[in-house]
Amino acid sequence: MNTKLMATLVAGAALSLGAAAQTGPIRIGVVTPLSGTYAGIGQQVKWGLDMAAKEINTAGGVMGRQLELIYEDEEANPAVAVQKAEKLFQVSKVDFLTGTVNSGSTLAVGQVAERNNRLIATTVSFADSITADKCSPNVFRVNARAGMQSAALADWMASTKPNANVFYLGPDYEMGRSTVAAFKAAAEGKGAKTVGEVFAPLDNKDYSPFFGQMRSARPSVVYTSVAGNDTVRLLTQMAEFGLSRNVQVVGASGTVTSQNLSAIGKAADGFVTGVGYSPNIDNPENKKFVAAFEVANKTKPDLYGADSYGVLFFYKAAVEKARSTDTDKVRAAMRGIQWVTPQGVKTMRAGDHQAMQDMYAVRVNSGQFEIVGKVPASSAIGPDTCAKF
């Protein structure tokens, strides 16, 4: 074969591959816990993503290309999450990554994303550091961070339990310590007094060793940021030991959700949290979303399902604005973009990559969630403290 013909064939093959890259599926990697204590959270993440992908693909995809979701179980373990993220970037060649639940996993996978020049958006992780002192140009957060949750909850507590004595119990890792610190600052700023704090291991089976310290502190409010199965054990054991009597129990967004509420039972009644999502948000987008979610999954969505649903529309809006899946172009498009979610229209703050949204105080009443307070996005989000880019 002569040299000229060979060059022609090679060029043709390159053009064909380039065309395929622009017309083939857009691959989105999902690193999320599908087993272990946070498996219930991972299930909501999967339900939300699957539902959004189906809707987008049925409507024609993104710039005519279908979305393809590729799942990997991270077991809520940062070391495993890093391995799975590398596999998705290097082997599956995903264009974008989401799904991380454990805040430590999100921080670790964010570094992997930087090395691979790809983008990640978390829909679950609460730690303020993700979009603050440990912010990354390749990491975005579409859900509310700990400080935003705390703004809504502290506002409600100040009006119903003024100058409360608060005891804190959180899981002993990045998210747990961050959420406790965020709410403590917000609560003390509105007159509350801290009377004690402890941190329990993740997937802790017995909380009773902490109850003596809790009793002696004589709190009027107990705040916790445990999640998943840990919440079931904590609130059930508190009720069994009589610690819930005459004490208001409050907590982080992921503490009591539709996933673990039935397992907690009556021990959850009266619990109040600050959240960025509730199935009871009264707007057309949310009503349509909740109805479709219940039909598809036989249960109501929680904040994880709603924000995971919304992240694909965030990515879709950015890709269509950029007219490309190129990382640098999509990153630029994401900064400052607005997109429609079940919560309403969200805005991605350009400086720190933190989504802005209204926040709510929600109480469990006879096994149902009810909205009891609201703080607007501009008041909840707090200052942009990211200084790395």
Protein backbone atom coordinates (compact mmCIF):
# COMPACT_ATOMS: atom_id res chain seq x y z
CA MET A 1 0.00 0.00 0.00
CA ASN A 2 1.46 3.37 -0.97
CA THR A 3 2.15 6.10 1.57
CA LYS A 4 -0.45 8.50 0.21
CA LEU A 5 -3.24 5.90 0.40
CA MET A 6 -2.21 4.92 3.95
CA ALA A 7 -2.36 8.57 5.07
CA THR A 8 -5.79 8.94 3.53
CA LEU A 9 -7.11 5.85 5.34
CA VAL A 10 -5.64 6.97 8.68
CA ALA A 11 -7.16 10.42 8.31
CA GLY A 12 -10.50 8.88 7.44
CA ALA A 13 -10.37 6.63 10.48
CA ALA A 14 -9.56 9.59 12.71
CA LEU A 15 -12.49 11.54 11.34
CA SER A 16 -14.75 8.55 11.88
CA LEU A 17 -13.62 8.18 15.49
CA GLY A 18 -14.10 11.91 16.07
CA ALA A 19 -17.61 11.74 14.66
CA ALA A 20 -18.39 8.74 16.85
CA ALA A 21 -17.14 10.61 19.92
CA GLN A 22 -19.58 13.43 19.16
CA THR A 23 -22.54 11.17 18.39
CA GLY A 24 -22.02 8.26 20.80
CA PRO A 25 -23.36 8.22 24.35
CA ILE A 26 -22.24 10.70 26.99
CA ARG A 27 -20.88 8.53 29.76
CA ILE A 28 -21.44 9.49 33.37
CA GLY A 29 -19.67 7.55 36.11
CA VAL A 30 -21.47 7.06 39.42
CA VAL A 31 -19.33 6.22 42.45
CA THR A 32 -21.82 5.63 45.25
CA PRO A 33 -22.39 3.23 48.18
CA LEU A 34 -24.53 0.32 47.00
CA SER A 35 -23.66 -1.77 50.08
CA GLY A 36 -22.96 -1.08 53.75
CA THR A 37 -24.45 1.39 56.22
CA TYR A 38 -25.05 4.06 53.55
CA ALA A 39 -26.60 1.68 50.99
CA GLY A 40 -30.00 3.31 51.50
CA ILE A 41 -28.56 6.68 50.54
CA GLY A 42 -26.90 5.13 47.50
CA GLN A 43 -30.25 3.63 46.50
CA GLN A 44 -31.88 7.08 46.47
CA VAL A 45 -28.93 8.39 44.44
CA LYS A 46 -29.44 5.62 41.89
CA TRP A 47 -33.20 6.09 41.72
CA GLY A 48 -32.80 9.83 41.11
CA LEU A 49 -30.12 9.45 38.46
CA ASP A 50 -31.90 6.62 36.64
CA MET A 51 -35.12 8.61 36.52
CA ALA A 52 -33.44 11.77 35.20
CA ALA A 53 -31.42 9.84 32.59
CA LYS A 54 -34.57 8.13 31.32
CA GLU A 55 -36.42 11.45 31.04
CA ILE A 56 -33.52 13.17 29.27
CA ASN A 57 -32.91 10.28 26.88
CA THR A 58 -36.61 9.96 26.03
CA ALA A 59 -36.68 13.67 25.19
CA GLY A 60 -33.74 13.31 22.78
CA GLY A 61 -30.73 13.30 25.06
CA VAL A 62 -28.13 16.04 25.36
CA MET A 63 -27.31 17.67 22.03
CA GLY A 64 -28.76 14.55 20.40
CA ARG A 65 -26.59 12.16 22.44
CA GLN A 66 -27.93 9.65 24.96
CA LEU A 67 -26.74 9.56 28.58
CA GLU A 68 -25.14 6.31 29.78
CA LEU A 69 -24.76 5.76 33.54
CA ILE A 70 -21.97 3.46 34.76
CA TYR A 71 -22.20 2.49 38.43
CA GLU A 72 -19.44 1.49 40.85
CA ASP A 73 -19.93 0.63 44.55
CA GLU A 74 -17.68 2.82 46.74
CA GLU A 75 -18.90 1.27 50.03
CA ALA A 76 -18.72 4.77 51.64
CA ASN A 77 -14.95 4.19 51.81
CA PRO A 78 -12.66 6.92 50.43
CA ALA A 79 -9.91 4.44 49.45
CA VAL A 80 -12.39 2.31 47.50
CA ALA A 81 -13.95 5.43 45.97
CA VAL A 82 -10.55 6.52 44.60
CA GLN A 83 -9.98 3.11 42.98
CA LYS A 84 -13.43 3.09 41.41
CA ALA A 85 -13.10 6.68 40.17
CA GLU A 86 -9.76 5.89 38.50
CA LYS A 87 -11.37 2.88 36.81
CA LEU A 88 -14.24 5.00 35.52
CA PHE A 89 -11.94 7.71 34.20
CA GLN A 90 -9.23 5.48 32.75
CA VAL A 91 -11.14 2.37 31.59
CA SER A 92 -14.75 3.45 31.08
CA LYS A 93 -13.66 6.89 29.80
CA VAL A 94 -16.53 8.70 31.49
CA ASP A 95 -17.10 12.37 30.66
CA PHE A 96 -18.35 13.31 34.12
CA LEU A 97 -18.61 11.78 37.59
CA THR A 98 -21.15 12.00 40.41
CA GLY A 99 -22.65 9.96 43.24
CA THR A 100 -20.13 10.24 46.10
CA VAL A 101 -21.82 10.20 49.53
CA ASN A 102 -19.09 10.10 52.18
CA SER A 103 -17.51 13.59 52.34
CA GLY A 104 -14.06 12.03 52.62
CA SER A 105 -14.79 10.17 49.38
CA THR A 106 -15.83 13.37 47.64
CA LEU A 107 -12.64 15.15 48.68
CA ALA A 108 -10.46 12.21 47.58
CA VAL A 109 -12.27 11.69 44.28
CA GLY A 110 -12.03 15.42 43.60
CA GLN A 111 -8.24 15.04 43.51
CA VAL A 112 -8.63 12.11 41.10
CA ALA A 113 -10.82 14.29 38.90
CA GLU A 114 -8.16 17.01 38.83
CA ARG A 115 -5.46 14.51 37.81
CA ASN A 116 -7.66 13.21 35.00
CA ASN A 117 -8.92 16.66 33.96
CA ARG A 118 -12.52 15.63 34.48
CA LEU A 119 -15.38 17.11 36.52
CA ILE A 120 -17.27 15.76 39.52
CA ALA A 121 -20.46 17.03 41.15
CA THR A 122 -21.61 15.71 44.50
CA THR A 123 -25.32 15.48 45.25
CA VAL A 124 -25.00 14.30 48.86
CA SER A 125 -21.82 15.29 50.73
CA PHE A 126 -22.33 17.96 53.40
CA ALA A 127 -18.84 18.92 54.63
CA ASP A 128 -18.38 22.68 54.21
CA SER A 129 -14.72 22.16 53.33
CA ILE A 130 -15.63 20.69 49.91
CA THR A 131 -16.56 24.14 48.62
CA ALA A 132 -14.51 26.11 51.15
CA ASP A 133 -10.90 25.60 52.27
CA LYS A 134 -10.56 22.30 50.33
CA CYS A 135 -12.35 23.54 47.21
CA SER A 136 -11.26 22.35 43.77
CA PRO A 137 -11.76 23.83 40.29
CA ASN A 138 -13.04 20.42 39.15
CA VAL A 139 -15.52 19.85 41.99
CA PHE A 140 -19.07 21.21 42.12
CA ARG A 141 -21.82 20.67 44.69
CA VAL A 142 -25.50 20.81 43.69
CA ASN A 143 -26.81 19.99 47.19
CA ALA A 144 -26.84 22.17 50.30
CA ARG A 145 -23.71 22.15 52.44
CA ALA A 146 -23.68 21.85 56.24
CA GLY A 147 -23.66 25.59 56.87
CA MET A 148 -26.77 26.10 54.74
CA GLN A 149 -28.67 23.34 56.56
CA SER A 150 -27.61 24.87 59.86
CA ALA A 151 -28.93 28.30 58.91
CA ALA A 152 -32.47 26.97 58.53
CA LEU A 153 -32.34 24.76 61.62
CA ALA A 154 -30.74 27.38 63.87
CA ASP A 155 -33.34 29.94 62.77
CA TRP A 156 -36.16 27.54 63.73
CA MET A 157 -34.53 26.60 67.05
CA ALA A 158 -33.97 30.21 68.07
CA SER A 159 -37.69 30.90 67.67
CA THR A 160 -38.93 27.75 69.43
CA LYS A 161 -36.14 26.90 71.92
CA PRO A 162 -34.42 30.22 72.64
CA ASN A 163 -31.05 30.07 74.44
CA ALA A 164 -31.12 26.25 74.38
CA ASN A 165 -28.48 24.04 76.00
CA VAL A 166 -27.29 21.83 73.14
CA PHE A 167 -25.44 18.50 73.24
CA TYR A 168 -23.81 17.26 69.99
CA LEU A 169 -23.29 13.68 68.77
CA GLY A 170 -21.78 13.15 65.32
CA PRO A 171 -20.06 10.41 63.33
CA ASP A 172 -16.28 10.54 63.64
CA TYR A 173 -15.21 11.59 60.13
CA GLU A 174 -15.14 14.66 57.88
CA MET A 175 -18.89 15.05 57.45
CA GLY A 176 -19.74 14.44 61.10
CA ARG A 177 -17.27 16.94 62.49
CA SER A 178 -18.09 19.51 59.79
CA THR A 179 -21.85 19.37 60.36
CA VAL A 180 -21.45 19.61 64.14
CA ALA A 181 -19.09 22.59 63.78
CA ALA A 182 -21.41 24.33 61.33
CA PHE A 183 -24.53 23.96 63.45
CA LYS A 184 -22.69 24.81 66.65
CA ALA A 185 -21.53 28.11 65.12
CA ALA A 186 -25.01 28.92 63.82
CA ALA A 187 -26.74 27.97 67.06
CA GLU A 188 -24.31 29.83 69.32
CA GLY A 189 -24.68 32.84 67.04
CA LYS A 190 -28.37 32.88 67.94
CA GLY A 191 -27.89 32.45 71.68
CA ALA A 192 -27.62 28.68 72.22
CA LYS A 193 -25.09 27.23 74.67
CA THR A 194 -22.96 24.12 74.01
CA VAL A 195 -23.02 21.66 76.95
CA GLY A 196 -21.10 18.75 75.42
CA GLU A 197 -20.11 16.85 72.28
CA VAL A 198 -19.00 13.34 71.33
CA PHE A 199 -18.11 11.59 68.07
CA ALA A 200 -18.98 7.93 67.48
CA PRO A 201 -17.43 5.55 64.92
CA LEU A 202 -19.18 5.17 61.57
CA ASP A 203 -21.46 2.10 61.56
CA ASN A 204 -21.59 2.16 65.36
CA LYS A 205 -23.81 -0.56 66.85
CA ASP A 206 -24.18 0.64 70.45
CA TYR A 207 -24.59 4.28 71.48
CA SER A 208 -25.33 3.60 75.16
CA PRO A 209 -21.71 4.28 76.29
CA PHE A 210 -22.30 7.92 75.29
CA PHE A 211 -25.58 8.28 77.18
CA GLY A 212 -24.05 8.91 80.62
CA GLN A 213 -22.21 11.95 79.33
CA MET A 214 -25.35 13.11 77.57
CA ARG A 215 -27.51 12.79 80.71
CA SER A 216 -25.04 14.61 82.94
CA ALA A 217 -24.93 17.54 80.50
CA ARG A 218 -28.72 18.06 80.97
CA PRO A 219 -29.36 19.40 77.44
CA SER A 220 -32.67 20.79 76.24
CA VAL A 221 -31.66 20.01 72.65
CA VAL A 222 -29.64 17.10 71.23
CA TYR A 223 -28.16 17.60 67.76
CA THR A 224 -26.85 14.67 65.68
CA SER A 225 -25.51 14.18 62.19
CA VAL A 226 -25.42 10.38 62.04
CA ALA A 227 -27.08 8.94 58.93
CA GLY A 228 -28.45 5.78 57.35
CA ASN A 229 -28.62 2.73 59.64
CA ASP A 230 -26.68 4.60 62.32
CA THR A 231 -29.69 6.88 62.80
CA VAL A 232 -32.00 3.91 63.29
CA ARG A 233 -29.79 2.59 66.07
CA LEU A 234 -29.17 5.96 67.74
CA LEU A 235 -32.77 7.21 67.91
CA THR A 236 -34.16 3.78 68.82
CA GLN A 237 -31.62 3.39 71.65
CA MET A 238 -32.24 6.95 72.89
CA ALA A 239 -35.95 6.16 73.13
CA GLU A 240 -35.30 2.84 74.89
CA PHE A 241 -33.06 4.51 77.49
CA GLY A 242 -35.52 7.37 78.03
CA LEU A 243 -33.15 10.03 76.70
CA SER A 244 -35.71 11.45 74.27
CA ARG A 245 -38.08 12.57 77.03
CA ASN A 246 -38.24 16.34 77.53
CA VAL A 247 -35.46 16.82 74.94
CA GLN A 248 -35.81 18.24 71.44
CA VAL A 249 -33.82 16.10 68.99
CA VAL A 250 -32.58 17.90 65.87
CA GLY A 251 -30.04 17.02 63.24
CA ALA A 252 -28.41 17.29 59.84
CA SER A 253 -30.31 16.83 56.59
CA GLY A 254 -29.43 13.17 56.10
CA THR A 255 -30.18 12.00 59.62
CA VAL A 256 -33.85 11.05 59.18
CA THR A 257 -35.06 10.52 55.60
CA SER A 258 -37.76 8.57 53.79
CA GLN A 259 -35.26 5.70 53.55
CA ASN A 260 -34.87 5.07 57.29
CA LEU A 261 -38.02 6.70 58.71
CA SER A 262 -40.12 3.53 58.81
CA ALA A 263 -37.33 1.61 60.57
CA ILE A 264 -37.02 4.32 63.23
CA GLY A 265 -40.77 4.43 63.78
CA LYS A 266 -42.20 6.52 66.62
CA ALA A 267 -38.71 7.32 67.90
CA ALA A 268 -38.42 9.80 65.00
CA ASP A 269 -41.53 11.81 65.90
CA GLY A 270 -40.71 15.41 66.73
CA PHE A 271 -37.28 15.29 65.08
CA VAL A 272 -36.44 18.54 63.23
CA THR A 273 -33.82 19.12 60.56
CA GLY A 274 -32.64 21.82 58.17
CA VAL A 275 -32.89 20.65 54.57
CA GLY A 276 -32.67 21.81 50.98
CA TYR A 277 -35.47 19.47 49.90
CA SER A 278 -38.80 18.12 51.06
CA PRO A 279 -41.46 16.20 49.10
CA ASN A 280 -43.85 18.85 50.46
CA ILE A 281 -42.25 21.79 48.62
CA ASP A 282 -45.20 23.40 46.87
CA ASN A 283 -44.25 24.04 43.25
CA PRO A 284 -45.25 22.38 39.95
CA GLU A 285 -41.79 20.89 39.33
CA ASN A 286 -41.72 19.12 42.69
CA LYS A 287 -45.28 17.83 42.48
CA LYS A 288 -44.54 16.29 39.08
CA PHE A 289 -41.23 14.86 40.32
CA VAL A 290 -42.69 13.30 43.49
CA ALA A 291 -45.57 11.69 41.58
CA ALA A 292 -43.25 10.17 38.97
CA PHE A 293 -40.73 9.05 41.60
CA GLU A 294 -43.40 7.25 43.63
CA VAL A 295 -44.69 5.46 40.54
CA ALA A 296 -41.20 4.35 39.56
CA ASN A 297 -39.86 3.38 43.00
CA LYS A 298 -42.89 2.81 45.26
CA THR A 299 -41.59 5.30 47.81
CA LYS A 300 -41.18 9.06 48.18
CA PRO A 301 -37.92 10.78 47.23
CA ASP A 302 -35.65 12.27 49.85
CA LEU A 303 -33.03 15.00 49.44
CA TYR A 304 -30.54 12.52 47.96
CA GLY A 305 -32.94 11.31 45.29
CA ALA A 306 -34.03 14.84 44.43
CA ASP A 307 -30.53 16.30 44.16
CA SER A 308 -29.25 13.28 42.22
CA TYR A 309 -32.14 13.72 39.81
CA GLY A 310 -31.30 17.41 39.48
CA VAL A 311 -27.57 16.94 38.84
CA LEU A 312 -28.12 15.47 35.36
CA PHE A 313 -30.14 18.53 34.37
CA PHE A 314 -27.27 20.68 35.71
CA TYR A 315 -24.83 18.78 33.50
CA LYS A 316 -27.22 18.90 30.55
CA ALA A 317 -27.62 22.68 30.86
CA ALA A 318 -23.83 23.17 31.05
CA VAL A 319 -23.04 20.92 28.07
CA GLU A 320 -25.69 22.63 25.95
CA LYS A 321 -24.35 26.05 26.96
CA ALA A 322 -20.78 24.97 26.18
CA ARG A 323 -21.84 23.14 23.00
CA SER A 324 -19.29 20.52 24.02
CA THR A 325 -18.36 17.89 26.63
CA ASP A 326 -14.80 19.26 26.80
CA THR A 327 -13.89 19.65 30.48
CA ASP A 328 -12.57 23.21 30.27
CA LYS A 329 -15.59 24.43 28.30
CA VAL A 330 -18.12 22.67 30.54
CA ARG A 331 -16.41 23.91 33.70
CA ALA A 332 -16.67 27.49 32.45
CA ALA A 333 -20.32 26.95 31.52
CA MET A 334 -21.17 25.57 34.96
CA ARG A 335 -19.99 28.68 36.78
CA GLY A 336 -22.98 30.91 37.42
CA ILE A 337 -25.42 28.71 35.49
CA GLN A 338 -29.06 28.35 36.47
CA TRP A 339 -31.10 25.18 36.01
CA VAL A 340 -34.52 23.81 36.96
CA THR A 341 -34.80 21.24 39.78
CA PRO A 342 -37.61 19.85 41.95
CA GLN A 343 -36.70 22.59 44.46
CA GLY A 344 -37.16 25.24 41.77
CA VAL A 345 -34.44 27.15 39.95
CA LYS A 346 -30.93 26.75 41.42
CA THR A 347 -27.87 28.90 40.73
CA MET A 348 -24.31 27.56 40.80
CA ARG A 349 -22.19 30.18 42.54
CA ALA A 350 -19.22 30.80 40.27
CA GLY A 351 -16.62 31.46 42.95
CA ASP A 352 -16.77 28.29 45.05
CA HIS A 353 -18.95 25.96 42.94
CA GLN A 354 -21.69 25.81 45.61
CA ALA A 355 -25.33 25.68 44.53
CA MET A 356 -27.62 28.37 45.93
CA GLN A 357 -31.11 27.30 47.04
CA ASP A 358 -33.78 28.07 49.60
CA MET A 359 -33.53 26.08 52.84
CA TYR A 360 -36.27 24.62 55.02
CA ALA A 361 -36.82 23.46 58.60
CA VAL A 362 -38.71 20.16 58.48
CA ARG A 363 -40.29 18.23 61.38
CA VAL A 364 -41.37 14.59 61.59
CA ASN A 365 -45.00 14.38 62.72
CA SER A 366 -46.67 10.95 63.04
CA GLY A 367 -44.33 9.45 60.47
CA GLN A 368 -44.72 12.33 57.98
CA PHE A 369 -42.47 15.28 57.14
CA GLU A 370 -43.88 18.79 57.47
CA ILE A 371 -42.23 22.11 56.62
CA VAL A 372 -42.09 24.39 59.68
CA GLY A 373 -39.68 27.12 58.51
CA LYS A 374 -37.84 28.61 55.52
CA VAL A 375 -34.67 30.65 54.92
CA PRO A 376 -34.04 32.19 51.45
CA ALA A 377 -31.00 31.13 49.43
CA SER A 378 -29.26 34.48 49.74
CA SER A 379 -29.40 34.33 53.56
CA ALA A 380 -28.54 30.63 53.88
CA ILE A 381 -25.50 30.26 51.63
CA GLY A 382 -23.00 32.36 53.58
CA PRO A 383 -19.77 33.91 52.23
CA ASP A 384 -17.58 32.44 49.48
CA THR A 385 -14.36 31.41 51.24
CA CYS A 386 -12.76 29.36 48.45
CA ALA A 387 -9.33 30.80 47.67
CA LYS A 388 -7.75 28.07 45.50
CA PHE A 389 -8.98 29.18 42.07
